[in-house]
C-alpha atoms as a PDB file:
ATOM      1  CA  MET A   1      92.911 105.073 102.132  1.00  0.00           C
ATOM      2  CA  ASP A   2      90.452 103.411 103.145  1.00  0.00           C
ATOM      3  CA  PRO A   3      91.960 100.061 104.589  1.00  0.00           C
ATOM      4  CA  ALA A   4      88.738  97.779 102.984  1.00  0.00           C
ATOM      5  CA  CYS A   5      90.415  98.713  99.391  1.00  0.00           C
ATOM      6  CA  GLU A   6      91.898  95.747  97.594  1.00  0.00           C
ATOM      7  CA  THR A   7      94.312  98.432  96.385  1.00  0.00           C
ATOM      8  CA  CYS A   8      95.397  99.917  99.487  1.00  0.00           C
ATOM      9  CA  ARG A   9      96.570  96.203 100.702  1.00  0.00           C
ATOM     10  CA  GLN A  10      98.439  95.693  97.781  1.00  0.00           C
ATOM     11  CA  PHE A  11     100.183  99.015  98.218  1.00  0.00           C
ATOM     12  CA  PHE A  12     100.826  98.716 101.492  1.00  0.00           C
ATOM     13  CA  PRO A  13     104.397  97.115 101.361  1.00  0.00           C
ATOM     14  CA  PHE A  14     105.352  99.491  98.596  1.00  0.00           C
ATOM     15  CA  VAL A  15     104.724 102.369  99.974  1.00  0.00           C
ATOM     16  CA  GLU A  16     106.553 100.798 103.322  1.00  0.00           C
ATOM     17  CA  ARG A  17     109.809  99.435 101.297  1.00  0.00           C
ATOM     18  CA  LEU A  18     109.777 103.482  99.595  1.00  0.00           C
ATOM     19  CA  LEU A  19     109.466 104.730 103.707  1.00  0.00           C
ATOM     20  CA  GLU A  20     112.307 102.915 104.439  1.00  0.00           C
ATOM     21  CA  LYS A  21     114.419 103.549 101.293  1.00  0.00           C
ATOM     22  CA  HIS A  22     113.952 107.552 102.121  1.00  0.00           C
ATOM     23  CA  GLU A  23     114.253 107.444 105.522  1.00  0.00           C
ATOM     24  CA  GLY A  24     113.685 110.796 107.051  1.00  0.00           C
ATOM     25  CA  LYS A  25     113.437 112.585 104.027  1.00  0.00           C
ATOM     26  CA  VAL A  26     110.299 111.384 103.041  1.00  0.00           C
ATOM     27  CA  ASN A  27     106.699 112.283 105.480  1.00  0.00           C
ATOM     28  CA  HIS A  28     104.357 109.733 105.134  1.00  0.00           C
ATOM     29  CA  VAL A  29     100.698 111.047 105.923  1.00  0.00           C
ATOM     30  CA  ILE A  30      97.973 108.788 105.263  1.00  0.00           C
ATOM     31  CA  ARG A  31      94.149 110.971 104.698  1.00  0.00           C
ATOM     32  CA  TYR A  32      90.996 108.398 104.813  1.00  0.00           C
ATOM     33  CA  ALA A  33      88.330 108.087 102.197  1.00  0.00           C
ATOM     34  CA  PRO A  34      86.006 105.525 103.090  1.00  0.00           C
ATOM     35  CA  PHE A  35      84.333 105.249  99.919  1.00  0.00           C
ATOM     36  CA  HIS A  36      83.422 101.485 100.278  1.00  0.00           C
ATOM     37  CA  GLN A  37      80.648 100.470 102.197  1.00  0.00           C
ATOM     38  CA  GLY A  38      81.408  99.742 106.114  1.00  0.00           C
ATOM     39  CA  SER A  39      84.841 102.061 105.271  1.00  0.00           C
ATOM     40  CA  ASP A  40      84.101 104.803 108.235  1.00  0.00           C
ATOM     41  CA  TYR A  41      83.367 101.813 110.747  1.00  0.00           C
ATOM     42  CA  VAL A  42      86.418 100.032 110.104  1.00  0.00           C
ATOM     43  CA  LEU A  43      88.322 103.638 110.210  1.00  0.00           C
ATOM     44  CA  LYS A  44      86.779 104.039 113.854  1.00  0.00           C
ATOM     45  CA  ILE A  45      88.622 100.731 114.430  1.00  0.00           C
ATOM     46  CA  LEU A  46      91.595 102.053 113.366  1.00  0.00           C
ATOM     47  CA  GLU A  47      91.572 104.937 114.753  1.00  0.00           C
ATOM     48  CA  ALA A  48      90.503 103.709 118.249  1.00  0.00           C
ATOM     49  CA  ALA A  49      93.488 102.143 117.985  1.00  0.00           C
ATOM     50  CA  ARG A  50      95.450 104.949 117.691  1.00  0.00           C
ATOM     51  CA  LYS A  51      94.511 105.791 121.065  1.00  0.00           C
ATOM     52  CA  GLN A  52      96.297 102.910 122.222  1.00  0.00           C
ATOM     53  CA  ASN A  53      99.407 103.341 120.561  1.00  0.00           C
ATOM     54  CA  GLN A  54      98.267 100.383 118.186  1.00  0.00           C
ATOM     55  CA  TYR A  55      97.961 102.079 115.072  1.00  0.00           C
ATOM     56  CA  TRP A  56     100.169 100.725 113.032  1.00  0.00           C
ATOM     57  CA  PRO A  57      99.948  96.612 114.222  1.00  0.00           C
ATOM     58  CA  VAL A  58      96.279  97.418 113.772  1.00  0.00           C
ATOM     59  CA  LEU A  59      97.003  98.615 110.199  1.00  0.00           C
ATOM     60  CA  GLU A  60      98.861  95.419 109.649  1.00  0.00           C
ATOM     61  CA  LEU A  61      96.289  93.383 110.989  1.00  0.00           C
ATOM     62  CA  MET A  62      93.848  94.786 108.473  1.00  0.00           C
ATOM     63  CA  PHE A  63      95.646  94.366 106.139  1.00  0.00           C
ATOM     64  CA  GLY A  64      96.716  90.756 106.258  1.00  0.00           C
ATOM     65  CA  THR A  65      93.027  89.863 107.258  1.00  0.00           C
ATOM     66  CA  GLN A  66      91.290  92.067 104.754  1.00  0.00           C
ATOM     67  CA  PRO A  67      90.031  88.840 101.504  1.00  0.00           C
ATOM     68  CA  TYR A  68      88.302  87.657 105.250  1.00  0.00           C
ATOM     69  CA  TRP A  69      86.820  90.958 106.415  1.00  0.00           C
ATOM     70  CA  THR A  70      85.779  92.458 103.072  1.00  0.00           C
ATOM     71  CA  SER A  71      84.086  91.209  99.943  1.00  0.00           C
ATOM     72  CA  HIS A  72      83.520  92.643  96.738  1.00  0.00           C
ATOM     73  CA  HIS A  73      84.845  95.853  98.335  1.00  0.00           C
ATOM     74  CA  LYS A  74      82.030  95.673 101.005  1.00  0.00           C
ATOM     75  CA  ALA A  75      83.262  95.690 104.676  1.00  0.00           C
ATOM     76  CA  GLN A  76      82.612  93.637 106.848  1.00  0.00           C
ATOM     77  CA  PRO A  77      83.527  94.703 110.363  1.00  0.00           C
ATOM     78  CA  GLU A  78      81.535  92.501 112.507  1.00  0.00           C
ATOM     79  CA  LEU A  79      84.107  89.611 110.745  1.00  0.00           C
ATOM     80  CA  LEU A  80      87.152  91.867 111.851  1.00  0.00           C
ATOM     81  CA  TRP A  81      86.733  91.597 116.001  1.00  0.00           C
ATOM     82  CA  LYS A  82      87.577  88.079 115.972  1.00  0.00           C
ATOM     83  CA  TYR A  83      90.821  88.621 114.380  1.00  0.00           C
ATOM     84  CA  LEU A  84      91.425  91.904 116.877  1.00  0.00           C
ATOM     85  CA  GLU A  85      90.988  89.273 120.022  1.00  0.00           C
ATOM     86  CA  HIS A  86      92.864  86.734 118.826  1.00  0.00           C
ATOM     87  CA  TYR A  87      96.154  88.571 118.245  1.00  0.00           C
ATOM     88  CA  LYS A  88      95.576  90.464 121.788  1.00  0.00           C
ATOM     89  CA  PHE A  89      94.331  93.967 121.397  1.00  0.00           C
ATOM     90  CA  ASP A  90      92.088  95.025 124.032  1.00  0.00           C
ATOM     91  CA  VAL A  91      88.876  94.747 121.908  1.00  0.00           C
ATOM     92  CA  ALA A  92      86.525  96.358 124.875  1.00  0.00           C
ATOM     93  CA  ARG A  93      88.967  99.714 124.563  1.00  0.00           C
ATOM     94  CA  LEU A  94      88.744  99.508 121.497  1.00  0.00           C
ATOM     95  CA  ARG A  95      84.776  99.335 121.725  1.00  0.00           C
ATOM     96  CA  ALA A  96      84.975 101.990 123.927  1.00  0.00           C
ATOM     97  CA  ASP A  97      87.003 104.579 122.250  1.00  0.00           C
ATOM     98  CA  MET A  98      85.591 104.488 118.965  1.00  0.00           C
ATOM     99  CA  ASP A  99      82.781 106.364 119.862  1.00  0.00           C
ATOM    100  CA  ASP A 100      85.012 109.182 120.430  1.00  0.00           C
ATOM    101  CA  PRO A 101      83.141 111.773 118.383  1.00  0.00           C
ATOM    102  CA  ALA A 102      86.650 113.208 117.504  1.00  0.00           C
ATOM    103  CA  ILE A 103      87.194 110.256 115.668  1.00  0.00           C
ATOM    104  CA  ALA A 104      83.792 110.719 113.234  1.00  0.00           C
ATOM    105  CA  LYS A 105      84.567 114.019 112.739  1.00  0.00           C
ATOM    106  CA  ASN A 106      88.542 113.432 111.748  1.00  0.00           C
ATOM    107  CA  ILE A 107      87.464 111.007 109.578  1.00  0.00           C
ATOM    108  CA  GLU A 108      83.949 113.396 108.429  1.00  0.00           C
ATOM    109  CA  GLN A 109      86.902 116.000 107.437  1.00  0.00           C
ATOM    110  CA  ASP A 110      88.983 113.838 105.641  1.00  0.00           C
ATOM    111  CA  LEU A 111      86.696 112.630 103.669  1.00  0.00           C
ATOM    112  CA  LYS A 112      85.421 116.009 102.651  1.00  0.00           C
ATOM    113  CA  ASP A 113      88.700 117.236 101.858  1.00  0.00           C
ATOM    114  CA  ALA A 114      89.155 114.236  99.200  1.00  0.00           C
ATOM    115  CA  HIS A 115      86.176 115.399  98.103  1.00  0.00           C
ATOM    116  CA  GLN A 116      87.593 118.983  97.998  1.00  0.00           C
ATOM    117  CA  LEU A 117      90.854 117.332  96.542  1.00  0.00           C
ATOM    118  CA  GLY A 118      88.881 115.622  93.581  1.00  0.00           C
ATOM    119  CA  VAL A 119      89.815 112.133  94.811  1.00  0.00           C
ATOM    120  CA  ASN A 120      87.673 109.692  94.160  1.00  0.00           C
ATOM    121  CA  LYS A 121      89.329 106.273  94.261  1.00  0.00           C
ATOM    122  CA  THR A 122      91.999 104.433  96.968  1.00  0.00           C
ATOM    123  CA  PRO A 123      94.632 105.330  97.260  1.00  0.00           C
ATOM    124  CA  SER A 124      94.951 108.131  95.740  1.00  0.00           C
ATOM    125  CA  PHE A 125      98.772 109.444  96.533  1.00  0.00           C
ATOM    126  CA  PHE A 126     100.205 113.259  96.630  1.00  0.00           C
ATOM    127  CA  VAL A 127     103.579 113.750  97.047  1.00  0.00           C
ATOM    128  CA  ASN A 128     104.376 117.815  97.994  1.00  0.00           C
ATOM    129  CA  GLY A 129     100.379 118.381  97.029  1.00  0.00           C
ATOM    130  CA  LYS A 130     101.257 117.182  93.134  1.00  0.00           C
ATOM    131  CA  PRO A 131      98.805 114.648  92.704  1.00  0.00           C
ATOM    132  CA  LEU A 132     100.147 110.915  90.822  1.00  0.00           C
ATOM    133  CA  THR A 133      97.971 111.298  88.141  1.00  0.00           C
ATOM    134  CA  SER A 134      99.478 108.061  85.888  1.00  0.00           C
ATOM    135  CA  PHE A 135      99.123 105.447  88.789  1.00  0.00           C
ATOM    136  CA  GLY A 136     101.426 102.723  89.455  1.00  0.00           C
ATOM    137  CA  TYR A 137     104.501 101.782  91.472  1.00  0.00           C
ATOM    138  CA  GLN A 138     107.089 103.438  89.308  1.00  0.00           C
ATOM    139  CA  GLN A 139     104.879 105.808  88.604  1.00  0.00           C
ATOM    140  CA  LEU A 140     104.651 106.768  92.510  1.00  0.00           C
ATOM    141  CA  GLU A 141     108.597 106.194  92.581  1.00  0.00           C
ATOM    142  CA  ALA A 142     109.512 108.486  90.588  1.00  0.00           C
ATOM    143  CA  LEU A 143     106.953 111.426  91.289  1.00  0.00           C
ATOM    144  CA  ILE A 144     108.259 110.690  95.378  1.00  0.00           C
ATOM    145  CA  ASP A 145     111.989 110.351  93.803  1.00  0.00           C
ATOM    146  CA  ALA A 146     111.497 113.442  91.607  1.00  0.00           C
ATOM    147  CA  ALA A 147     110.987 115.776  95.045  1.00  0.00           C
ATOM    148  CA  ILE A 148     113.842 113.901  96.727  1.00  0.00           C
ATOM    149  CA  ALA A 149     116.244 115.480  94.413  1.00  0.00           C
ATOM    150  CA  GLU A 150     114.073 118.221  94.325  1.00  0.00           C
ATOM    151  CA  HIS A 151     114.662 119.126  98.091  1.00  0.00           C
ATOM    152  CA  TYR A 152     117.702 117.150  98.681  1.00  0.00           C
END
């Protein structure tokens, strides 16, 4: 996932509906693939938000305002700060926490893992280790439904 990816933003509500539909049966794990210019910086903000227990609200804000801080697949994170300030997130703490070396290390590891798995675009989905080979809403739902049928 990459918060600067337009397709990730478009898929986000669909993934939320799938999680609701299969509540208690699906574990959603997000791994980062900052392929878009400036995305690594945006991910540091997102991970800093996790330290404040604000991960999901900040991710939703990022996707909701993405057209205003991302242009032609290039994140402009300096534009994102005004939205974070407007919605009363602790911006000073976000700015401090995003410099935690552990955050950079986690993002770097996710990117290495993505390359090792052959991920070259976002979003990319895996269900129980099986990649979604044909991209689409119905294809993802079918892959999840098959995994649930197999295990429940």
